[in-house]
N, C-alpha and C. Protein backbone atom coordinates (compact mmCIF):
# COMPACT_ATOMS: atom_id res chain seq x y z
N UNK A 1 -85.24 -90.77 33.16
CA UNK A 1 -84.97 -90.08 31.94
C UNK A 1 -84.33 -88.72 32.25
N UNK A 2 -83.27 -88.37 31.53
CA UNK A 2 -82.54 -87.14 31.75
C UNK A 2 -83.25 -85.96 31.07
N UNK A 3 -83.42 -84.86 31.84
CA UNK A 3 -84.04 -83.66 31.27
C UNK A 3 -83.08 -83.01 30.29
N UNK A 4 -83.61 -82.45 29.21
CA UNK A 4 -82.72 -81.74 28.29
C UNK A 4 -82.36 -80.38 28.90
N UNK A 5 -81.27 -79.80 28.38
CA UNK A 5 -80.72 -78.56 28.93
C UNK A 5 -81.73 -77.41 28.88
N UNK A 6 -82.51 -77.35 27.83
CA UNK A 6 -83.51 -76.30 27.69
C UNK A 6 -84.53 -76.36 28.83
N UNK A 7 -85.00 -77.55 29.16
CA UNK A 7 -85.97 -77.72 30.24
C UNK A 7 -85.36 -77.35 31.59
N UNK A 8 -84.11 -77.76 31.80
CA UNK A 8 -83.41 -77.43 33.05
C UNK A 8 -83.31 -75.92 33.20
N UNK A 9 -82.91 -75.22 32.13
CA UNK A 9 -82.78 -73.76 32.20
C UNK A 9 -84.13 -73.09 32.37
N UNK A 10 -85.17 -73.58 31.69
CA UNK A 10 -86.51 -73.00 31.86
C UNK A 10 -86.94 -73.07 33.32
N UNK A 11 -86.72 -74.21 33.95
CA UNK A 11 -87.07 -74.39 35.36
C UNK A 11 -86.22 -73.49 36.25
N UNK A 12 -84.93 -73.44 35.99
CA UNK A 12 -84.00 -72.63 36.78
C UNK A 12 -84.39 -71.15 36.74
N UNK A 13 -84.74 -70.63 35.56
CA UNK A 13 -85.03 -69.21 35.42
C UNK A 13 -86.48 -68.84 35.74
N UNK A 14 -87.37 -69.80 35.89
CA UNK A 14 -88.77 -69.51 36.21
C UNK A 14 -88.94 -69.33 37.71
N UNK A 15 -88.15 -68.42 38.26
CA UNK A 15 -88.14 -68.12 39.70
C UNK A 15 -87.86 -66.63 39.88
N UNK A 16 -87.84 -66.23 41.12
CA UNK A 16 -87.50 -64.86 41.49
C UNK A 16 -86.12 -64.51 40.95
N UNK A 17 -85.98 -63.29 40.42
CA UNK A 17 -84.69 -62.84 39.91
C UNK A 17 -83.64 -62.81 41.03
N UNK A 18 -84.05 -62.53 42.26
CA UNK A 18 -83.11 -62.51 43.38
C UNK A 18 -82.53 -63.90 43.61
N UNK A 19 -83.38 -64.92 43.59
CA UNK A 19 -82.89 -66.30 43.76
C UNK A 19 -82.00 -66.71 42.60
N UNK A 20 -82.39 -66.37 41.39
CA UNK A 20 -81.59 -66.72 40.20
C UNK A 20 -80.24 -66.00 40.24
N UNK A 21 -80.24 -64.72 40.59
CA UNK A 21 -78.99 -63.95 40.64
C UNK A 21 -77.98 -64.61 41.58
N UNK A 22 -78.47 -65.10 42.71
CA UNK A 22 -77.59 -65.78 43.68
C UNK A 22 -77.07 -67.10 43.09
N UNK A 23 -77.96 -67.86 42.49
CA UNK A 23 -77.59 -69.19 42.00
C UNK A 23 -76.76 -69.16 40.71
N UNK A 24 -76.70 -68.00 40.05
CA UNK A 24 -75.87 -67.88 38.84
C UNK A 24 -74.38 -67.67 39.17
N UNK A 25 -74.10 -67.25 40.40
CA UNK A 25 -72.69 -67.06 40.78
C UNK A 25 -72.00 -68.43 40.74
N UNK A 26 -70.93 -68.50 39.96
CA UNK A 26 -70.20 -69.76 39.78
C UNK A 26 -70.58 -70.51 38.52
N UNK A 27 -71.63 -70.04 37.81
CA UNK A 27 -72.01 -70.67 36.54
C UNK A 27 -70.99 -70.31 35.46
N UNK A 28 -70.91 -71.14 34.43
CA UNK A 28 -70.04 -70.85 33.30
C UNK A 28 -70.88 -70.29 32.16
N UNK A 29 -70.48 -69.14 31.65
CA UNK A 29 -71.16 -68.50 30.53
C UNK A 29 -70.18 -68.36 29.36
N UNK A 30 -70.57 -68.92 28.22
CA UNK A 30 -69.80 -68.75 26.99
C UNK A 30 -70.72 -68.19 25.92
N UNK A 31 -70.19 -67.27 25.12
CA UNK A 31 -70.91 -66.71 23.98
C UNK A 31 -70.02 -66.94 22.76
N UNK A 32 -70.51 -67.80 21.85
CA UNK A 32 -69.68 -68.23 20.71
C UNK A 32 -68.32 -68.74 21.17
N UNK A 33 -68.34 -69.50 22.26
CA UNK A 33 -67.12 -70.14 22.75
C UNK A 33 -66.18 -69.25 23.54
N UNK A 34 -66.61 -68.04 23.90
CA UNK A 34 -65.77 -67.10 24.64
C UNK A 34 -66.46 -66.76 25.96
N UNK A 35 -65.73 -66.83 27.09
CA UNK A 35 -66.34 -66.46 28.37
C UNK A 35 -65.60 -67.02 29.56
N UNK A 36 -66.37 -67.36 30.60
CA UNK A 36 -65.79 -67.85 31.84
C UNK A 36 -66.84 -67.99 32.92
N UNK A 37 -66.41 -67.82 34.17
CA UNK A 37 -67.27 -68.00 35.33
C UNK A 37 -67.96 -66.70 35.71
N UNK A 38 -69.27 -66.75 35.89
CA UNK A 38 -70.01 -65.58 36.36
C UNK A 38 -69.64 -65.32 37.81
N UNK A 39 -69.15 -64.09 38.09
CA UNK A 39 -68.73 -63.75 39.45
C UNK A 39 -69.54 -62.60 40.05
N UNK A 40 -70.39 -61.95 39.26
CA UNK A 40 -71.18 -60.84 39.81
C UNK A 40 -72.48 -60.66 39.02
N UNK A 41 -73.57 -60.47 39.76
CA UNK A 41 -74.90 -60.29 39.16
C UNK A 41 -75.67 -59.21 39.92
N UNK A 42 -76.76 -58.74 39.30
CA UNK A 42 -77.72 -57.88 39.99
C UNK A 42 -79.11 -58.32 39.59
N UNK A 43 -80.02 -58.35 40.56
CA UNK A 43 -81.40 -58.78 40.32
C UNK A 43 -82.31 -57.56 40.13
N UNK A 44 -83.27 -57.72 39.20
CA UNK A 44 -84.30 -56.70 38.94
C UNK A 44 -85.64 -57.41 38.83
N UNK A 45 -86.54 -57.12 39.78
CA UNK A 45 -87.86 -57.75 39.83
C UNK A 45 -88.90 -56.87 39.12
N UNK A 46 -90.04 -57.45 38.80
CA UNK A 46 -91.12 -56.77 38.06
C UNK A 46 -91.62 -55.53 38.80
N UNK A 47 -91.75 -55.60 40.12
CA UNK A 47 -92.29 -54.49 40.90
C UNK A 47 -91.21 -53.57 41.46
N UNK A 48 -90.01 -53.70 40.94
CA UNK A 48 -88.84 -52.96 41.40
C UNK A 48 -88.76 -51.62 40.65
N UNK A 49 -88.81 -50.48 41.35
CA UNK A 49 -88.76 -49.18 40.67
C UNK A 49 -87.49 -48.97 39.82
N UNK A 50 -86.43 -49.72 40.08
CA UNK A 50 -85.19 -49.59 39.30
C UNK A 50 -85.20 -50.47 38.05
N UNK A 51 -86.21 -51.33 37.92
CA UNK A 51 -86.27 -52.25 36.78
C UNK A 51 -86.83 -51.58 35.54
N UNK A 52 -86.32 -51.96 34.38
CA UNK A 52 -86.84 -51.44 33.11
C UNK A 52 -88.30 -51.82 32.90
N UNK A 53 -88.77 -52.85 33.59
CA UNK A 53 -90.13 -53.33 33.40
C UNK A 53 -91.15 -52.65 34.32
N UNK A 54 -90.70 -51.81 35.21
CA UNK A 54 -91.56 -51.24 36.25
C UNK A 54 -92.79 -50.53 35.68
N UNK A 55 -92.62 -49.82 34.57
CA UNK A 55 -93.75 -49.08 33.97
C UNK A 55 -94.43 -49.83 32.84
N UNK A 56 -94.16 -51.13 32.73
CA UNK A 56 -94.81 -51.94 31.71
C UNK A 56 -93.94 -52.22 30.50
N UNK A 57 -94.50 -52.98 29.59
CA UNK A 57 -93.76 -53.42 28.40
C UNK A 57 -93.61 -52.30 27.38
N UNK A 58 -92.40 -52.22 26.82
CA UNK A 58 -92.09 -51.27 25.75
C UNK A 58 -91.32 -52.02 24.66
N UNK A 59 -91.03 -51.34 23.58
CA UNK A 59 -90.21 -51.96 22.53
C UNK A 59 -88.84 -52.32 23.08
N UNK A 60 -88.27 -51.45 23.91
CA UNK A 60 -86.92 -51.68 24.45
C UNK A 60 -86.87 -52.89 25.36
N UNK A 61 -87.86 -53.04 26.26
CA UNK A 61 -87.79 -54.11 27.27
C UNK A 61 -88.63 -55.33 26.91
N UNK A 62 -89.06 -55.46 25.70
CA UNK A 62 -89.95 -56.55 25.27
C UNK A 62 -89.44 -57.93 25.68
N UNK A 63 -88.14 -58.16 25.58
CA UNK A 63 -87.58 -59.48 25.94
C UNK A 63 -87.81 -59.83 27.40
N UNK A 64 -87.91 -58.80 28.27
CA UNK A 64 -88.15 -59.06 29.70
C UNK A 64 -89.52 -59.68 29.94
N UNK A 65 -90.43 -59.50 29.01
CA UNK A 65 -91.78 -60.03 29.15
C UNK A 65 -91.99 -61.30 28.34
N UNK A 66 -90.91 -61.77 27.72
CA UNK A 66 -90.97 -63.02 26.96
C UNK A 66 -90.73 -64.21 27.87
N UNK A 67 -90.37 -65.33 27.28
CA UNK A 67 -90.15 -66.53 28.08
C UNK A 67 -88.92 -66.42 28.97
N UNK A 68 -88.93 -67.16 30.08
CA UNK A 68 -87.76 -67.25 30.95
C UNK A 68 -86.61 -67.90 30.16
N UNK A 69 -85.40 -67.70 30.65
CA UNK A 69 -84.20 -68.29 30.07
C UNK A 69 -83.88 -67.74 28.68
N UNK A 70 -84.16 -66.45 28.50
CA UNK A 70 -83.79 -65.74 27.27
C UNK A 70 -82.91 -64.55 27.62
N UNK A 71 -82.23 -64.01 26.62
CA UNK A 71 -81.37 -62.84 26.81
C UNK A 71 -82.19 -61.56 26.69
N UNK A 72 -81.84 -60.60 27.51
CA UNK A 72 -82.35 -59.24 27.38
C UNK A 72 -81.12 -58.34 27.27
N UNK A 73 -80.94 -57.72 26.11
CA UNK A 73 -79.77 -56.89 25.85
C UNK A 73 -80.25 -55.48 25.54
N UNK A 74 -79.66 -54.50 26.21
CA UNK A 74 -80.02 -53.10 25.96
C UNK A 74 -78.76 -52.24 26.02
N UNK A 75 -78.85 -51.05 25.44
CA UNK A 75 -77.74 -50.11 25.48
C UNK A 75 -77.92 -49.18 26.67
N UNK A 76 -76.87 -49.02 27.45
CA UNK A 76 -76.90 -48.17 28.63
C UNK A 76 -76.28 -46.81 28.32
N UNK A 77 -77.02 -45.76 28.62
CA UNK A 77 -76.56 -44.39 28.39
C UNK A 77 -76.11 -44.16 26.95
N UNK A 78 -76.61 -44.95 26.02
CA UNK A 78 -76.24 -44.81 24.62
C UNK A 78 -74.81 -45.16 24.32
N UNK A 79 -74.14 -45.82 25.27
CA UNK A 79 -72.70 -46.07 25.13
C UNK A 79 -72.37 -47.56 25.00
N UNK A 80 -72.76 -48.34 26.02
CA UNK A 80 -72.36 -49.75 26.01
C UNK A 80 -73.56 -50.69 26.21
N UNK A 81 -73.38 -51.92 25.77
CA UNK A 81 -74.43 -52.94 25.89
C UNK A 81 -74.42 -53.54 27.29
N UNK A 82 -75.59 -53.96 27.76
CA UNK A 82 -75.74 -54.67 29.02
C UNK A 82 -76.50 -55.96 28.74
N UNK A 83 -76.06 -57.04 29.37
CA UNK A 83 -76.61 -58.38 29.12
C UNK A 83 -77.32 -58.88 30.37
N UNK A 84 -78.58 -59.24 30.19
CA UNK A 84 -79.42 -59.75 31.27
C UNK A 84 -79.98 -61.11 30.89
N UNK A 85 -80.34 -61.88 31.90
CA UNK A 85 -80.99 -63.17 31.71
C UNK A 85 -82.40 -63.06 32.29
N UNK A 86 -83.41 -63.33 31.47
CA UNK A 86 -84.81 -63.16 31.86
C UNK A 86 -85.24 -64.29 32.80
N UNK A 87 -85.98 -63.89 33.84
CA UNK A 87 -86.52 -64.85 34.81
C UNK A 87 -88.04 -64.87 34.64
N UNK A 88 -88.80 -64.69 35.71
CA UNK A 88 -90.25 -64.59 35.60
C UNK A 88 -90.58 -63.35 34.77
N UNK A 89 -91.77 -63.28 34.14
CA UNK A 89 -92.10 -62.13 33.30
C UNK A 89 -91.85 -60.79 33.99
N UNK A 90 -91.10 -59.92 33.31
CA UNK A 90 -90.80 -58.60 33.84
C UNK A 90 -89.61 -58.56 34.78
N UNK A 91 -88.93 -59.68 34.97
CA UNK A 91 -87.77 -59.69 35.86
C UNK A 91 -86.56 -60.27 35.13
N UNK A 92 -85.38 -59.84 35.56
CA UNK A 92 -84.16 -60.29 34.90
C UNK A 92 -82.97 -60.13 35.83
N UNK A 93 -81.88 -60.79 35.46
CA UNK A 93 -80.62 -60.69 36.19
C UNK A 93 -79.59 -60.08 35.25
N UNK A 94 -79.01 -58.95 35.68
CA UNK A 94 -77.92 -58.32 34.95
C UNK A 94 -76.63 -59.06 35.27
N UNK A 95 -75.90 -59.47 34.24
CA UNK A 95 -74.60 -60.11 34.46
C UNK A 95 -73.57 -58.98 34.49
N UNK A 96 -73.00 -58.75 35.67
CA UNK A 96 -72.09 -57.61 35.87
C UNK A 96 -70.62 -57.97 35.64
N UNK A 97 -70.22 -59.22 35.90
CA UNK A 97 -68.80 -59.55 35.74
C UNK A 97 -68.62 -61.06 35.56
N UNK A 98 -67.61 -61.38 34.76
CA UNK A 98 -67.23 -62.76 34.48
C UNK A 98 -65.71 -62.87 34.66
N UNK A 99 -65.27 -63.96 35.25
CA UNK A 99 -63.82 -64.24 35.29
C UNK A 99 -63.44 -64.86 33.95
N UNK A 100 -62.61 -64.19 33.16
CA UNK A 100 -62.25 -64.70 31.83
C UNK A 100 -61.48 -66.02 31.92
N UNK A 101 -61.93 -67.01 31.13
CA UNK A 101 -61.26 -68.31 31.15
C UNK A 101 -61.11 -68.94 29.77
N UNK A 102 -62.04 -68.69 28.88
CA UNK A 102 -62.04 -69.33 27.56
C UNK A 102 -62.08 -68.24 26.48
N UNK A 103 -61.15 -68.33 25.52
CA UNK A 103 -61.12 -67.35 24.43
C UNK A 103 -60.53 -66.02 24.86
N UNK A 104 -59.57 -66.06 25.75
CA UNK A 104 -58.99 -64.82 26.29
C UNK A 104 -58.36 -63.98 25.17
N UNK A 105 -57.74 -64.63 24.19
CA UNK A 105 -57.11 -63.88 23.08
C UNK A 105 -58.17 -63.05 22.34
N UNK A 106 -59.35 -63.64 22.14
CA UNK A 106 -60.45 -62.93 21.47
C UNK A 106 -60.91 -61.75 22.31
N UNK A 107 -61.02 -61.95 23.62
CA UNK A 107 -61.43 -60.86 24.52
C UNK A 107 -60.42 -59.73 24.48
N UNK A 108 -59.14 -60.07 24.52
CA UNK A 108 -58.08 -59.07 24.48
C UNK A 108 -58.17 -58.25 23.19
N UNK A 109 -58.39 -58.92 22.08
CA UNK A 109 -58.51 -58.22 20.79
C UNK A 109 -59.74 -57.31 20.78
N UNK A 110 -60.85 -57.77 21.30
CA UNK A 110 -62.07 -56.96 21.31
C UNK A 110 -61.96 -55.76 22.24
N UNK A 111 -61.29 -55.95 23.39
CA UNK A 111 -61.20 -54.89 24.38
C UNK A 111 -59.95 -54.01 24.18
N UNK A 112 -59.00 -54.50 23.39
CA UNK A 112 -57.74 -53.78 23.13
C UNK A 112 -56.96 -53.51 24.42
N UNK A 113 -56.95 -54.50 25.29
CA UNK A 113 -56.13 -54.45 26.50
C UNK A 113 -55.82 -55.86 26.95
N UNK A 114 -54.78 -56.00 27.75
CA UNK A 114 -54.34 -57.34 28.12
C UNK A 114 -54.49 -57.66 29.60
N UNK A 115 -55.05 -56.76 30.38
CA UNK A 115 -55.22 -57.00 31.81
C UNK A 115 -56.43 -57.91 32.04
N UNK A 116 -56.21 -59.17 32.38
CA UNK A 116 -57.33 -60.10 32.55
C UNK A 116 -58.41 -59.58 33.51
N UNK A 117 -58.01 -58.89 34.57
CA UNK A 117 -58.96 -58.42 35.57
C UNK A 117 -59.94 -57.40 34.98
N UNK A 118 -59.54 -56.69 33.94
CA UNK A 118 -60.39 -55.65 33.37
C UNK A 118 -61.15 -56.09 32.12
N UNK A 119 -60.96 -57.31 31.67
CA UNK A 119 -61.62 -57.75 30.43
C UNK A 119 -63.14 -57.80 30.57
N UNK A 120 -63.63 -58.35 31.67
CA UNK A 120 -65.09 -58.57 31.83
C UNK A 120 -65.61 -58.06 33.16
N UNK A 121 -64.95 -57.08 33.77
CA UNK A 121 -65.37 -56.58 35.09
C UNK A 121 -66.23 -55.33 34.92
N UNK A 122 -67.49 -55.56 34.67
CA UNK A 122 -68.47 -54.49 34.46
C UNK A 122 -69.33 -54.86 33.27
N UNK A 123 -70.60 -54.47 33.28
CA UNK A 123 -71.53 -54.89 32.22
C UNK A 123 -71.09 -54.52 30.81
N UNK A 124 -70.60 -53.31 30.61
CA UNK A 124 -70.17 -52.88 29.28
C UNK A 124 -68.92 -53.60 28.82
N UNK A 125 -67.95 -53.73 29.70
CA UNK A 125 -66.72 -54.45 29.38
C UNK A 125 -67.02 -55.90 29.02
N UNK A 126 -67.89 -56.53 29.82
CA UNK A 126 -68.27 -57.92 29.60
C UNK A 126 -68.88 -58.10 28.21
N UNK A 127 -69.81 -57.22 27.85
CA UNK A 127 -70.46 -57.34 26.54
C UNK A 127 -69.47 -57.13 25.40
N UNK A 128 -68.57 -56.18 25.54
CA UNK A 128 -67.57 -55.96 24.51
C UNK A 128 -66.66 -57.18 24.39
N UNK A 129 -66.19 -57.71 25.50
CA UNK A 129 -65.28 -58.86 25.49
C UNK A 129 -65.93 -60.12 24.93
N UNK A 130 -67.22 -60.33 25.23
CA UNK A 130 -67.91 -61.54 24.79
C UNK A 130 -68.63 -61.36 23.45
N UNK A 131 -68.60 -60.15 22.90
CA UNK A 131 -69.25 -59.91 21.61
C UNK A 131 -70.76 -59.88 21.69
N UNK A 132 -71.29 -59.36 22.79
CA UNK A 132 -72.75 -59.30 22.99
C UNK A 132 -73.26 -57.94 22.53
N UNK A 133 -74.30 -57.96 21.68
CA UNK A 133 -74.95 -56.72 21.24
C UNK A 133 -76.44 -56.99 21.04
N UNK A 134 -77.15 -56.02 20.52
CA UNK A 134 -78.62 -56.10 20.39
C UNK A 134 -79.08 -57.29 19.55
N UNK A 135 -78.23 -57.79 18.67
CA UNK A 135 -78.63 -58.92 17.82
C UNK A 135 -78.93 -60.17 18.65
N UNK A 136 -78.47 -60.22 19.91
CA UNK A 136 -78.72 -61.38 20.77
C UNK A 136 -79.94 -61.21 21.66
N UNK A 137 -80.56 -60.03 21.63
CA UNK A 137 -81.73 -59.75 22.46
C UNK A 137 -82.86 -60.72 22.15
N UNK A 138 -83.39 -61.36 23.19
CA UNK A 138 -84.53 -62.27 23.05
C UNK A 138 -84.16 -63.70 22.70
N UNK A 139 -82.88 -63.98 22.45
CA UNK A 139 -82.50 -65.34 22.08
C UNK A 139 -82.48 -66.26 23.31
N UNK A 140 -82.82 -67.54 23.12
CA UNK A 140 -82.81 -68.50 24.23
C UNK A 140 -81.40 -68.78 24.73
N UNK A 141 -81.23 -68.84 26.04
CA UNK A 141 -79.93 -69.10 26.64
C UNK A 141 -79.49 -70.55 26.47
N UNK A 142 -80.42 -71.43 26.10
CA UNK A 142 -80.11 -72.85 25.94
C UNK A 142 -79.60 -73.18 24.54
N UNK A 143 -79.49 -72.16 23.68
CA UNK A 143 -79.06 -72.39 22.30
C UNK A 143 -77.87 -71.51 21.96
N UNK A 144 -77.15 -71.90 20.92
CA UNK A 144 -76.04 -71.08 20.43
C UNK A 144 -76.59 -69.72 20.01
N UNK A 145 -75.84 -68.66 20.27
CA UNK A 145 -74.42 -68.65 20.59
C UNK A 145 -74.10 -68.85 22.06
N UNK A 146 -75.14 -69.03 22.90
CA UNK A 146 -74.92 -69.15 24.34
C UNK A 146 -74.64 -70.58 24.76
N UNK A 147 -73.78 -70.71 25.75
CA UNK A 147 -73.61 -71.95 26.50
C UNK A 147 -73.61 -71.54 27.96
N UNK A 148 -74.54 -72.06 28.73
CA UNK A 148 -74.65 -71.73 30.14
C UNK A 148 -74.66 -73.03 30.93
N UNK A 149 -73.63 -73.22 31.73
CA UNK A 149 -73.51 -74.40 32.58
C UNK A 149 -73.69 -73.97 34.03
N UNK A 150 -74.74 -74.45 34.65
CA UNK A 150 -75.04 -74.05 36.02
C UNK A 150 -74.02 -74.64 36.99
N UNK A 151 -73.80 -73.97 38.13
CA UNK A 151 -72.79 -74.45 39.09
C UNK A 151 -73.15 -75.83 39.64
N UNK A 152 -72.13 -76.61 39.90
CA UNK A 152 -72.32 -77.94 40.48
C UNK A 152 -72.49 -77.89 41.99
N UNK A 153 -71.98 -76.81 42.61
CA UNK A 153 -72.10 -76.65 44.06
C UNK A 153 -72.27 -75.17 44.37
N UNK A 154 -72.88 -74.85 45.51
CA UNK A 154 -73.08 -73.44 45.86
C UNK A 154 -71.74 -72.73 46.06
N UNK A 155 -71.68 -71.49 45.64
CA UNK A 155 -70.48 -70.68 45.81
C UNK A 155 -70.59 -69.86 47.09
N UNK A 156 -69.44 -69.36 47.57
CA UNK A 156 -69.46 -68.42 48.69
C UNK A 156 -69.78 -67.05 48.11
N UNK A 157 -70.88 -66.47 48.56
CA UNK A 157 -71.43 -65.27 47.93
C UNK A 157 -71.52 -64.12 48.92
N UNK A 158 -71.17 -62.93 48.42
CA UNK A 158 -71.41 -61.71 49.18
C UNK A 158 -72.54 -60.95 48.50
N UNK A 159 -73.25 -60.14 49.29
CA UNK A 159 -74.32 -59.32 48.72
C UNK A 159 -74.14 -57.88 49.17
N UNK A 160 -74.69 -56.99 48.38
CA UNK A 160 -74.65 -55.57 48.72
C UNK A 160 -75.68 -54.84 47.88
N UNK A 161 -75.69 -53.54 48.00
CA UNK A 161 -76.65 -52.74 47.25
C UNK A 161 -76.20 -52.64 45.79
N UNK A 162 -77.19 -52.49 44.90
CA UNK A 162 -76.90 -52.35 43.48
C UNK A 162 -76.24 -50.99 43.22
N UNK A 163 -75.53 -50.92 42.10
CA UNK A 163 -74.83 -49.67 41.79
C UNK A 163 -75.29 -49.15 40.43
N UNK A 164 -75.08 -47.86 40.20
CA UNK A 164 -75.42 -47.27 38.93
C UNK A 164 -76.90 -47.03 38.72
N UNK A 165 -77.68 -47.01 39.81
CA UNK A 165 -79.13 -46.76 39.72
C UNK A 165 -79.49 -45.62 40.65
N UNK A 166 -80.67 -45.05 40.44
CA UNK A 166 -81.10 -43.93 41.29
C UNK A 166 -82.36 -44.24 42.10
N UNK A 167 -83.01 -45.39 41.82
CA UNK A 167 -84.20 -45.78 42.57
C UNK A 167 -83.97 -47.15 43.22
N UNK A 168 -84.65 -47.39 44.34
CA UNK A 168 -84.52 -48.65 45.08
C UNK A 168 -83.05 -48.98 45.34
N UNK A 169 -82.31 -47.97 45.73
CA UNK A 169 -80.87 -48.10 45.92
C UNK A 169 -80.48 -48.88 47.18
N UNK A 170 -81.43 -49.12 48.08
CA UNK A 170 -81.11 -49.78 49.33
C UNK A 170 -81.26 -51.30 49.29
N UNK A 171 -81.76 -51.85 48.19
CA UNK A 171 -81.98 -53.30 48.11
C UNK A 171 -80.65 -54.03 47.90
N UNK A 172 -80.37 -55.07 48.70
CA UNK A 172 -79.10 -55.80 48.60
C UNK A 172 -79.14 -56.87 47.51
N UNK A 173 -79.44 -56.46 46.29
CA UNK A 173 -79.65 -57.40 45.20
C UNK A 173 -78.48 -57.47 44.24
N UNK A 174 -77.32 -57.01 44.68
CA UNK A 174 -76.07 -57.20 43.93
C UNK A 174 -75.33 -58.33 44.62
N UNK A 175 -74.94 -59.33 43.84
CA UNK A 175 -74.31 -60.52 44.41
C UNK A 175 -72.98 -60.77 43.73
N UNK A 176 -72.01 -61.24 44.52
CA UNK A 176 -70.69 -61.49 43.97
C UNK A 176 -70.03 -62.69 44.58
N UNK A 177 -69.06 -63.23 43.88
CA UNK A 177 -68.27 -64.35 44.37
C UNK A 177 -67.27 -63.81 45.38
N UNK A 178 -67.35 -64.31 46.60
CA UNK A 178 -66.47 -63.84 47.68
C UNK A 178 -65.00 -63.96 47.25
N UNK A 179 -64.26 -62.91 47.48
CA UNK A 179 -62.81 -62.83 47.24
C UNK A 179 -62.41 -62.87 45.77
N UNK A 180 -63.37 -62.73 44.84
CA UNK A 180 -63.01 -62.70 43.42
C UNK A 180 -62.33 -61.38 43.10
N UNK A 181 -61.25 -61.44 42.33
CA UNK A 181 -60.57 -60.22 41.90
C UNK A 181 -61.14 -59.70 40.58
N UNK A 182 -62.20 -60.35 40.09
CA UNK A 182 -62.80 -59.98 38.80
C UNK A 182 -64.11 -59.22 38.95
N UNK A 183 -64.47 -58.82 40.16
CA UNK A 183 -65.70 -58.05 40.39
C UNK A 183 -65.57 -56.68 39.74
N UNK A 184 -66.71 -56.04 39.46
CA UNK A 184 -66.68 -54.74 38.81
C UNK A 184 -66.29 -53.62 39.76
N UNK A 185 -66.32 -53.89 41.04
CA UNK A 185 -65.97 -52.90 42.05
C UNK A 185 -66.24 -53.46 43.43
N UNK A 186 -65.90 -52.69 44.45
CA UNK A 186 -66.11 -53.14 45.82
C UNK A 186 -67.57 -53.19 46.19
N UNK A 187 -67.86 -53.94 47.24
CA UNK A 187 -69.22 -54.08 47.76
C UNK A 187 -69.31 -53.25 49.05
N UNK A 188 -70.13 -52.21 49.02
CA UNK A 188 -70.34 -51.38 50.21
C UNK A 188 -71.24 -52.15 51.17
N UNK A 189 -70.85 -52.24 52.44
CA UNK A 189 -71.61 -52.95 53.48
C UNK A 189 -71.97 -54.37 53.04
N UNK A 190 -70.99 -55.08 52.53
CA UNK A 190 -71.22 -56.44 52.02
C UNK A 190 -71.61 -57.41 53.13
N UNK A 191 -72.48 -58.34 52.80
CA UNK A 191 -72.89 -59.41 53.70
C UNK A 191 -72.60 -60.74 53.05
N UNK A 192 -72.16 -61.71 53.83
CA UNK A 192 -71.94 -63.06 53.34
C UNK A 192 -73.29 -63.76 53.26
N UNK A 193 -73.57 -64.39 52.13
CA UNK A 193 -74.86 -65.10 51.93
C UNK A 193 -74.69 -66.57 52.22
């Protein structure tokens, strides 16, 4: 008997955020039919000082403590939205970059630029291009508006330290698709995984 997509995603996300972050590289993410291939992620674990969950549950991070395979969306620096996928309670994977492939015209209109490389290269750009905001916080990834298709084969992955944080800066929990031109930036001291 074939497992339904919801069960597959629940199992996939009920693991360490570091393992999930690696395995999401090469997955296809669509939001209301707009998106592409995930090429960059960052992992945040429950006991990680850089994680929003480190000091416990709050109104802002409530989705991180909900079920696995749900969205956690928050505003960064009061400016742009960031999209995460919840793993084990208190842990999540930040989606940092997507290679645009489906609905590019919509992304161009939302971002008001035509350079494909800049449409979804960075958490804020990605959310603007895919139309992600707080209204999607806590929603299951197995249901609309999300479509998440896991990779059929392992991707060639590089790892490096996370960026844009001030604590636990030495952890190599930023992962990217090797040689992708759609990454949000270079990888300092990158390692092949």
